C-alpha atoms as a PDB file:
ATOM      1  CA  UNK A   1     -24.149  66.116 -33.243  1.00  0.00           C
ATOM      2  CA  UNK A   2     -21.809  65.019 -30.476  1.00  0.00           C
ATOM      3  CA  UNK A   3     -19.727  68.158 -30.951  1.00  0.00           C
ATOM      4  CA  UNK A   4     -22.773  70.365 -30.443  1.00  0.00           C
ATOM      5  CA  UNK A   5     -23.576  68.536 -27.210  1.00  0.00           C
ATOM      6  CA  UNK A   6     -19.993  68.964 -26.022  1.00  0.00           C
ATOM      7  CA  UNK A   7     -20.114  72.669 -26.800  1.00  0.00           C
ATOM      8  CA  UNK A   8     -23.471  73.194 -25.029  1.00  0.00           C
ATOM      9  CA  UNK A   9     -22.521  71.205 -21.910  1.00  0.00           C
ATOM     10  CA  UNK A  10     -20.182  73.906 -20.406  1.00  0.00           C
ATOM     11  CA  UNK A  11     -22.893  76.516 -20.993  1.00  0.00           C
ATOM     12  CA  UNK A  12     -25.413  74.462 -19.026  1.00  0.00           C
ATOM     13  CA  UNK A  13     -22.875  74.002 -16.227  1.00  0.00           C
ATOM     14  CA  UNK A  14     -22.250  77.746 -15.996  1.00  0.00           C
ATOM     15  CA  UNK A  15     -25.982  78.484 -16.054  1.00  0.00           C
ATOM     16  CA  UNK A  16     -26.676  75.927 -13.327  1.00  0.00           C
ATOM     17  CA  UNK A  17     -23.807  77.171 -11.157  1.00  0.00           C
ATOM     18  CA  UNK A  18     -24.905  80.810 -11.452  1.00  0.00           C
ATOM     19  CA  UNK A  19     -28.487  79.934 -10.441  1.00  0.00           C
ATOM     20  CA  UNK A  20     -27.138  78.134  -7.342  1.00  0.00           C
ATOM     21  CA  UNK A  21     -25.094  81.233  -6.429  1.00  0.00           C
ATOM     22  CA  UNK A  22     -28.114  83.501  -6.875  1.00  0.00           C
ATOM     23  CA  UNK A  23     -30.225  81.239  -4.663  1.00  0.00           C
ATOM     24  CA  UNK A  24     -27.557  81.323  -1.926  1.00  0.00           C
ATOM     25  CA  UNK A  25     -27.313  85.125  -2.132  1.00  0.00           C
ATOM     26  CA  UNK A  26     -31.057  85.607  -1.812  1.00  0.00           C
ATOM     27  CA  UNK A  27     -31.171  83.229   1.172  1.00  0.00           C
ATOM     28  CA  UNK A  28     -28.387  85.167   2.902  1.00  0.00           C
ATOM     29  CA  UNK A  29     -30.026  88.553   2.353  1.00  0.00           C
ATOM     30  CA  UNK A  30     -33.229  88.153   4.350  1.00  0.00           C
ATOM     31  CA  UNK A  31     -35.273  91.290   4.639  1.00  0.00           C
ATOM     32  CA  UNK A  32     -35.378  92.701   8.134  1.00  0.00           C
ATOM     33  CA  UNK A  33     -38.912  93.225   9.385  1.00  0.00           C
ATOM     34  CA  UNK A  34     -39.172  96.535  11.232  1.00  0.00           C
ATOM     35  CA  UNK A  35     -42.042  96.767  13.714  1.00  0.00           C
ATOM     36  CA  UNK A  36     -44.508  99.591  13.163  1.00  0.00           C
ATOM     37  CA  UNK A  37     -45.728  99.790  16.765  1.00  0.00           C
ATOM     38  CA  UNK A  38     -43.709 100.902  19.738  1.00  0.00           C
ATOM     39  CA  UNK A  39     -43.061  98.316  22.466  1.00  0.00           C
ATOM     40  CA  UNK A  40     -43.286  98.857  26.198  1.00  0.00           C
ATOM     41  CA  UNK A  41     -40.743  97.615  28.783  1.00  0.00           C
ATOM     42  CA  UNK A  42     -39.663  94.964  29.451  1.00  0.00           C
ATOM     43  CA  UNK A  43     -38.185  94.924  25.982  1.00  0.00           C
ATOM     44  CA  UNK A  44     -37.166  91.987  23.830  1.00  0.00           C
ATOM     45  CA  UNK A  45     -34.527  91.844  21.102  1.00  0.00           C
ATOM     46  CA  UNK A  46     -35.862  93.476  17.928  1.00  0.00           C
ATOM     47  CA  UNK A  47     -38.449  95.618  19.727  1.00  0.00           C
ATOM     48  CA  UNK A  48     -39.069  99.188  18.605  1.00  0.00           C
ATOM     49  CA  UNK A  49     -38.764 101.371  21.690  1.00  0.00           C
ATOM     50  CA  UNK A  50     -39.515 105.010  22.366  1.00  0.00           C
ATOM     51  CA  UNK A  51     -36.764 107.534  21.787  1.00  0.00           C
ATOM     52  CA  UNK A  52     -35.921 108.491  25.322  1.00  0.00           C
ATOM     53  CA  UNK A  53     -32.915 109.149  27.499  1.00  0.00           C
ATOM     54  CA  UNK A  54     -29.344 109.810  26.445  1.00  0.00           C
ATOM     55  CA  UNK A  55     -27.892 108.228  23.283  1.00  0.00           C
ATOM     56  CA  UNK A  56     -24.194 107.554  22.843  1.00  0.00           C
ATOM     57  CA  UNK A  57     -23.286 107.461  19.151  1.00  0.00           C
ATOM     58  CA  UNK A  58     -20.310 105.148  18.567  1.00  0.00           C
ATOM     59  CA  UNK A  59     -19.843 105.727  14.860  1.00  0.00           C
ATOM     60  CA  UNK A  60     -20.989 104.239  11.613  1.00  0.00           C
ATOM     61  CA  UNK A  61     -21.924 100.529  11.511  1.00  0.00           C
ATOM     62  CA  UNK A  62     -22.108 100.321  15.326  1.00  0.00           C
ATOM     63  CA  UNK A  63     -25.053 100.279  17.659  1.00  0.00           C
ATOM     64  CA  UNK A  64     -25.894 103.275  19.802  1.00  0.00           C
ATOM     65  CA  UNK A  65     -25.843 102.938  23.564  1.00  0.00           C
ATOM     66  CA  UNK A  66     -29.071 104.211  25.118  1.00  0.00           C
ATOM     67  CA  UNK A  67     -29.147 105.215  28.789  1.00  0.00           C
ATOM     68  CA  UNK A  68     -32.703 105.739  30.000  1.00  0.00           C
ATOM     69  CA  UNK A  69     -34.734 105.792  33.187  1.00  0.00           C
ATOM     70  CA  UNK A  70     -37.579 103.270  33.292  1.00  0.00           C
ATOM     71  CA  UNK A  71     -39.742 103.672  36.377  1.00  0.00           C
ATOM     72  CA  UNK A  72     -36.930 105.807  37.893  1.00  0.00           C
ATOM     73  CA  UNK A  73     -34.503 102.888  37.507  1.00  0.00           C
ATOM     74  CA  UNK A  74     -31.418 103.339  35.275  1.00  0.00           C
ATOM     75  CA  UNK A  75     -31.260 101.030  32.240  1.00  0.00           C
ATOM     76  CA  UNK A  76     -28.874 100.637  29.306  1.00  0.00           C
ATOM     77  CA  UNK A  77     -29.889  99.248  25.907  1.00  0.00           C
ATOM     78  CA  UNK A  78     -28.125  98.898  22.550  1.00  0.00           C
ATOM     79  CA  UNK A  79     -30.056 100.330  19.621  1.00  0.00           C
ATOM     80  CA  UNK A  80     -29.379  99.349  15.988  1.00  0.00           C
ATOM     81  CA  UNK A  81     -29.568 101.601  12.914  1.00  0.00           C
ATOM     82  CA  UNK A  82     -33.308 100.914  12.582  1.00  0.00           C
ATOM     83  CA  UNK A  83     -34.071 102.006  16.156  1.00  0.00           C
ATOM     84  CA  UNK A  84     -34.599  98.434  17.370  1.00  0.00           C
ATOM     85  CA  UNK A  85     -33.286  96.833  20.562  1.00  0.00           C
ATOM     86  CA  UNK A  86     -30.066  94.974  19.708  1.00  0.00           C
ATOM     87  CA  UNK A  87     -27.966  92.353  21.459  1.00  0.00           C
ATOM     88  CA  UNK A  88     -26.126  93.802  24.503  1.00  0.00           C
ATOM     89  CA  UNK A  89     -22.423  94.375  23.988  1.00  0.00           C
ATOM     90  CA  UNK A  90     -21.520  94.463  27.679  1.00  0.00           C
ATOM     91  CA  UNK A  91     -21.996  92.006  30.521  1.00  0.00           C
ATOM     92  CA  UNK A  92     -22.017  94.503  33.388  1.00  0.00           C
ATOM     93  CA  UNK A  93     -21.504  98.137  34.217  1.00  0.00           C
ATOM     94  CA  UNK A  94     -21.828 100.935  36.697  1.00  0.00           C
ATOM     95  CA  UNK A  95     -23.142 104.461  36.892  1.00  0.00           C
ATOM     96  CA  UNK A  96     -21.805 107.238  39.107  1.00  0.00           C
ATOM     97  CA  UNK A  97     -23.841 110.434  39.281  1.00  0.00           C
ATOM     98  CA  UNK A  98     -23.518 113.853  40.904  1.00  0.00           C
ATOM     99  CA  UNK A  99     -25.471 117.067  40.888  1.00  0.00           C
ATOM    100  CA  UNK A 100     -27.704 119.297  42.966  1.00  0.00           C
ATOM    101  CA  UNK A 101     -29.957 117.328  45.284  1.00  0.00           C
ATOM    102  CA  UNK A 102     -27.667 114.292  45.571  1.00  0.00           C
ATOM    103  CA  UNK A 103     -25.738 113.497  48.725  1.00  0.00           C
ATOM    104  CA  UNK A 104     -22.263 112.440  47.686  1.00  0.00           C
ATOM    105  CA  UNK A 105     -22.003 110.556  44.429  1.00  0.00           C
ATOM    106  CA  UNK A 106     -24.583 107.779  44.247  1.00  0.00           C
ATOM    107  CA  UNK A 107     -23.351 104.570  42.643  1.00  0.00           C
ATOM    108  CA  UNK A 108     -25.465 102.151  40.612  1.00  0.00           C
ATOM    109  CA  UNK A 109     -24.226  98.676  39.751  1.00  0.00           C
ATOM    110  CA  UNK A 110     -25.587  97.309  36.442  1.00  0.00           C
ATOM    111  CA  UNK A 111     -26.366  93.678  35.734  1.00  0.00           C
ATOM    112  CA  UNK A 112     -28.190  91.868  32.942  1.00  0.00           C
ATOM    113  CA  UNK A 113     -31.945  92.582  32.818  1.00  0.00           C
ATOM    114  CA  UNK A 114     -34.975  91.383  30.864  1.00  0.00           C
ATOM    115  CA  UNK A 115     -33.483  87.995  29.954  1.00  0.00           C
ATOM    116  CA  UNK A 116     -30.230  89.517  28.720  1.00  0.00           C
ATOM    117  CA  UNK A 117     -31.741  92.283  26.570  1.00  0.00           C
ATOM    118  CA  UNK A 118     -29.970  95.113  28.410  1.00  0.00           C
ATOM    119  CA  UNK A 119     -28.298  96.186  31.639  1.00  0.00           C
ATOM    120  CA  UNK A 120     -29.880  97.881  34.608  1.00  0.00           C
ATOM    121  CA  UNK A 121     -30.073  98.523  38.297  1.00  0.00           C
ATOM    122  CA  UNK A 122     -32.951  97.870  40.675  1.00  0.00           C
ATOM    123  CA  UNK A 123     -31.932 100.893  42.717  1.00  0.00           C
ATOM    124  CA  UNK A 124     -34.239 103.930  42.341  1.00  0.00           C
ATOM    125  CA  UNK A 125     -32.808 107.178  40.971  1.00  0.00           C
ATOM    126  CA  UNK A 126     -35.085 109.830  42.508  1.00  0.00           C
ATOM    127  CA  UNK A 127     -36.322 112.837  40.525  1.00  0.00           C
ATOM    128  CA  UNK A 128     -35.636 115.514  39.515  1.00  0.00           C
ATOM    129  CA  UNK A 129     -33.452 113.876  36.879  1.00  0.00           C
ATOM    130  CA  UNK A 130     -30.790 116.535  36.443  1.00  0.00           C
ATOM    131  CA  UNK A 131     -27.302 115.178  36.953  1.00  0.00           C
ATOM    132  CA  UNK A 132     -23.854 114.527  35.525  1.00  0.00           C
ATOM    133  CA  UNK A 133     -23.015 110.899  34.970  1.00  0.00           C
ATOM    134  CA  UNK A 134     -20.155 108.549  34.235  1.00  0.00           C
ATOM    135  CA  UNK A 135     -21.286 105.264  32.700  1.00  0.00           C
ATOM    136  CA  UNK A 136     -18.773 102.408  32.652  1.00  0.00           C
ATOM    137  CA  UNK A 137     -19.559  99.249  30.669  1.00  0.00           C
ATOM    138  CA  UNK A 138     -17.537  96.032  30.766  1.00  0.00           C
ATOM    139  CA  UNK A 139     -17.581  93.562  27.886  1.00  0.00           C
ATOM    140  CA  UNK A 140     -16.963  89.798  27.988  1.00  0.00           C
ATOM    141  CA  UNK A 141     -13.191  90.232  27.627  1.00  0.00           C
ATOM    142  CA  UNK A 142     -13.027  92.647  30.585  1.00  0.00           C
ATOM    143  CA  UNK A 143     -12.494  95.747  28.445  1.00  0.00           C
ATOM    144  CA  UNK A 144     -14.014  98.876  29.988  1.00  0.00           C
ATOM    145  CA  UNK A 145     -15.860 101.468  27.933  1.00  0.00           C
ATOM    146  CA  UNK A 146     -16.405 104.803  29.730  1.00  0.00           C
ATOM    147  CA  UNK A 147     -18.875 107.550  28.767  1.00  0.00           C
ATOM    148  CA  UNK A 148     -19.673 110.778  30.596  1.00  0.00           C
ATOM    149  CA  UNK A 149     -22.725 112.932  29.920  1.00  0.00           C
ATOM    150  CA  UNK A 150     -25.190 115.426  31.363  1.00  0.00           C
ATOM    151  CA  UNK A 151     -28.759 114.207  31.895  1.00  0.00           C
ATOM    152  CA  UNK A 152     -31.738 116.585  32.100  1.00  0.00           C
ATOM    153  CA  UNK A 153     -35.455 116.216  32.804  1.00  0.00           C
ATOM    154  CA  UNK A 154     -36.120 116.804  29.091  1.00  0.00           C
ATOM    155  CA  UNK A 155     -34.499 113.422  28.318  1.00  0.00           C
ATOM    156  CA  UNK A 156     -37.159 111.611  30.392  1.00  0.00           C
ATOM    157  CA  UNK A 157     -39.823 112.443  27.793  1.00  0.00           C
ATOM    158  CA  UNK A 158     -40.573 109.477  25.532  1.00  0.00           C
ATOM    159  CA  UNK A 159     -41.025 110.171  21.817  1.00  0.00           C
ATOM    160  CA  UNK A 160     -42.796 107.615  19.659  1.00  0.00           C
ATOM    161  CA  UNK A 161     -40.504 107.105  16.624  1.00  0.00           C
ATOM    162  CA  UNK A 162     -43.476 106.101  14.455  1.00  0.00           C
ATOM    163  CA  UNK A 163     -45.111 109.503  14.985  1.00  0.00           C
ATOM    164  CA  UNK A 164     -42.070 111.695  14.321  1.00  0.00           C
ATOM    165  CA  UNK A 165     -42.436 114.329  11.643  1.00  0.00           C
ATOM    166  CA  UNK A 166     -39.636 115.684   9.537  1.00  0.00           C
ATOM    167  CA  UNK A 167     -38.875 119.070  11.037  1.00  0.00           C
ATOM    168  CA  UNK A 168     -36.933 121.484   8.903  1.00  0.00           C
END
């Protein structure tokens, strides 16, 4: 009888240990709740925002950088793979633009906005919104990340991501 108990004891240990591991795994993998309604500015982390402005794709497993105009003011947000507002990856930045209708090359200094949800400028960027831009973002370590793009009036139009249809 004692031998049977000794033989069963390691089996119970393995079973108990595996259930502890499974419980830890399920606690670590919490399901992300994706909002079903679009949020309006000012945004908070995890908000679902309209698809609007210029998106900078930085590759797989990285957030996209979204440059948009909110009330004719330039803003920068980081968007995760689910289309939600993510934690900013820069502490400051600047925008230099040029194009028809602009005198010189207007400069916009970006600072943290909306309680640290993104970067932006309080300076108005007057319409029509057709310009070339150079966006420079600086992270906490001082590393600069530079992106240039062409912005058109078409990018001002907000698209509700919950109402998109699959176009073929």
